[in-house]
Amino acid sequence: MIKMKIKRISKKFNDIPLPHYATEGSAGMDIRAAVDDEIIIKSGEVKLVPTNLIVEIPVGYEIQVRPRSGLALKHGIGLLNSPGTIDSDYRGEVGIIMSNFSKEDFLVKRGDRIAQLVLSKFYKAELEESSELAESIRGEGGFGHTGKN
């Protein structure tokens, strides 16, 4: 298991649990809203929801911010820029960009689980410019090219 430091910005949100894995097999840690009052996300609206958290991600890793399937299915709530990436050198507050795709307003309350954080190893590529690339079976086939109805 990889260790990662996390810091609360304000003590007034100490009652809100830190991100954690809900089960042994969970890939994502639930992260919660750190709001004083309720936030209403109107139908079709996008809001940045604060978490009161700053993370120190190990070099060579990123955190992917992903939507919660229950919010998507039950309330039509998703995340824009999903999965979002938090880089290892970012030291600002983790904010969750929530979008309401439903026809009903959605209420975010203090401590609500609003997203998942997945710690992922990544690899950097060294680009080598070339005038020739190897052929492939697919070639230049684009969107929908490989699917058969």
Protein backbone atom coordinates (compact mmCIF):
# COMPACT_ATOMS: atom_id res chain seq x y z
CA MET A 1 0.00 0.00 0.00
CA ILE A 2 1.24 3.49 -0.92
CA LYS A 3 1.27 6.17 1.80
CA MET A 4 -0.13 9.56 0.93
CA LYS A 5 -0.31 12.68 3.08
CA ILE A 6 -3.58 14.60 3.37
CA LYS A 7 -4.22 17.92 5.08
CA ARG A 8 -7.42 19.62 6.19
CA ILE A 9 -7.47 23.31 5.29
CA SER A 10 -9.86 24.40 8.05
CA LYS A 11 -10.56 22.75 11.40
CA LYS A 12 -14.24 23.74 11.17
CA PHE A 13 -14.74 20.71 8.91
CA ASN A 14 -13.00 18.20 11.23
CA ASP A 15 -16.35 16.40 11.66
CA ILE A 16 -16.26 15.34 8.00
CA PRO A 17 -14.47 12.00 7.53
CA LEU A 18 -11.33 11.88 5.42
CA PRO A 19 -11.57 9.99 2.12
CA HIS A 20 -11.63 6.24 2.71
CA TYR A 21 -12.25 2.95 0.96
CA ALA A 22 -15.78 1.71 1.73
CA THR A 23 -14.84 -1.97 1.29
CA GLU A 24 -11.72 -4.12 1.03
CA GLY A 25 -12.19 -4.40 -2.74
CA SER A 26 -12.91 -0.71 -3.41
CA ALA A 27 -10.62 0.95 -5.97
CA GLY A 28 -11.85 4.43 -5.12
CA MET A 29 -11.97 6.37 -1.88
CA ASP A 30 -15.19 8.27 -1.22
CA ILE A 31 -14.61 12.01 -0.82
CA ARG A 32 -17.13 14.31 0.84
CA ALA A 33 -18.46 17.84 0.46
CA ALA A 34 -17.08 20.39 2.91
CA VAL A 35 -19.79 23.03 2.88
CA ASP A 36 -21.26 25.18 5.65
CA ASP A 37 -24.67 25.43 4.09
CA GLU A 38 -26.36 23.30 1.50
CA ILE A 39 -25.45 23.85 -2.14
CA ILE A 40 -28.19 23.58 -4.73
CA ILE A 41 -27.10 22.41 -8.17
CA LYS A 42 -29.95 23.33 -10.48
CA SER A 43 -30.91 21.24 -13.48
CA GLY A 44 -28.27 21.77 -16.19
CA GLU A 45 -25.95 23.63 -13.81
CA VAL A 46 -22.29 23.01 -12.94
CA LYS A 47 -20.80 23.81 -9.52
CA LEU A 48 -17.37 23.44 -7.95
CA VAL A 49 -17.86 21.75 -4.58
CA PRO A 50 -15.09 22.20 -1.98
CA THR A 51 -13.61 19.33 0.04
CA ASN A 52 -11.37 21.23 2.50
CA LEU A 53 -8.54 18.86 1.57
CA ILE A 54 -5.05 19.15 0.11
CA VAL A 55 -3.15 15.99 -0.84
CA GLU A 56 0.52 15.20 -1.31
CA ILE A 57 0.52 12.58 -4.04
CA PRO A 58 3.69 10.51 -4.44
CA VAL A 59 5.75 11.32 -7.54
CA GLY A 60 4.88 8.92 -10.36
CA TYR A 61 1.22 8.77 -9.30
CA GLU A 62 -1.93 10.79 -9.96
CA ILE A 63 -5.33 10.85 -8.37
CA GLN A 64 -8.22 10.33 -10.74
CA VAL A 65 -11.46 11.98 -9.66
CA ARG A 66 -14.40 9.84 -10.72
CA PRO A 67 -18.18 10.05 -10.35
CA ARG A 68 -20.17 7.94 -7.92
CA SER A 69 -22.42 5.50 -9.77
CA GLY A 70 -25.25 5.87 -7.24
CA LEU A 71 -25.43 9.64 -7.77
CA ALA A 72 -25.45 9.13 -11.53
CA LEU A 73 -28.16 6.47 -11.55
CA LYS A 74 -30.45 7.84 -8.84
CA HIS A 75 -30.03 11.60 -9.38
CA GLY A 76 -28.43 12.23 -12.80
CA ILE A 77 -25.35 13.76 -11.15
CA GLY A 78 -22.00 13.47 -12.91
CA LEU A 79 -18.59 15.05 -12.91
CA LEU A 80 -17.28 17.18 -15.73
CA ASN A 81 -13.71 16.53 -16.79
CA SER A 82 -14.15 12.94 -15.69
CA PRO A 83 -11.95 11.33 -14.83
CA GLY A 84 -10.21 14.45 -13.65
CA THR A 85 -6.52 14.28 -12.82
CA ILE A 86 -4.83 15.68 -9.74
CA ASP A 87 -1.08 15.85 -10.41
CA SER A 88 1.53 15.01 -7.79
CA ASP A 89 2.83 18.59 -7.70
CA TYR A 90 -0.58 20.23 -7.11
CA ARG A 91 -0.98 21.59 -3.57
CA GLY A 92 -4.30 23.39 -3.79
CA GLU A 93 -7.68 22.36 -2.46
CA VAL A 94 -9.29 19.36 -4.13
CA GLY A 95 -12.48 20.64 -5.74
CA ILE A 96 -15.13 18.46 -7.35
CA ILE A 97 -16.77 19.77 -10.56
CA MET A 98 -20.32 18.44 -10.25
CA SER A 99 -22.92 18.66 -13.00
CA ASN A 100 -26.66 18.08 -12.77
CA PHE A 101 -27.85 16.28 -15.91
CA SER A 102 -31.33 15.62 -14.46
CA LYS A 103 -34.50 17.70 -14.65
CA GLU A 104 -34.59 18.16 -10.85
CA ASP A 105 -32.46 20.39 -8.63
CA PHE A 106 -29.92 18.48 -6.51
CA LEU A 107 -28.99 19.32 -2.95
CA VAL A 108 -25.41 18.80 -1.70
CA LYS A 109 -25.20 18.76 2.09
CA ARG A 110 -22.26 18.94 4.48
CA GLY A 111 -20.43 15.60 4.49
CA ASP A 112 -22.24 14.09 1.48
CA ARG A 113 -20.17 11.62 -0.53
CA ILE A 114 -19.75 13.40 -3.86
CA ALA A 115 -17.00 11.59 -5.80
CA GLN A 116 -14.33 8.88 -5.71
CA LEU A 117 -10.56 9.29 -5.71
CA VAL A 118 -8.48 6.59 -7.39
CA LEU A 119 -4.69 6.62 -6.88
CA SER A 120 -3.06 5.52 -10.15
CA LYS A 121 0.51 4.96 -11.26
CA PHE A 122 1.33 6.60 -14.56
CA TYR A 123 4.13 6.35 -17.08
CA LYS A 124 5.75 9.18 -18.99
CA ALA A 125 6.51 8.74 -22.66
CA GLU A 126 9.57 10.03 -24.44
CA LEU A 127 8.28 11.24 -27.79
CA GLU A 128 10.32 10.48 -30.87
CA GLU A 129 9.26 12.34 -33.99
CA SER A 130 9.19 10.13 -37.06
CA SER A 131 8.18 10.47 -40.70
CA GLU A 132 7.05 6.82 -40.78
CA LEU A 133 4.79 4.82 -38.45
CA ALA A 134 4.13 1.08 -38.45
CA GLU A 135 0.97 -0.04 -40.25
CA SER A 136 -1.92 -1.52 -38.26
CA ILE A 137 -5.01 -3.54 -39.17
CA ARG A 138 -7.31 -0.69 -38.16
CA GLY A 139 -5.36 2.00 -39.98
CA GLU A 140 -7.13 5.37 -40.00
CA GLY A 141 -10.55 3.99 -38.99
CA GLY A 142 -12.06 6.41 -36.49
CA PHE A 143 -15.09 6.68 -34.26
CA GLY A 144 -17.34 3.62 -34.51
CA HIS A 145 -15.00 1.95 -36.97
CA THR A 146 -14.51 -1.28 -35.02
CA GLY A 147 -18.11 -1.78 -33.90
CA LYS A 148 -20.60 -3.96 -35.75
CA ASN A 149 -24.32 -3.54 -35.06
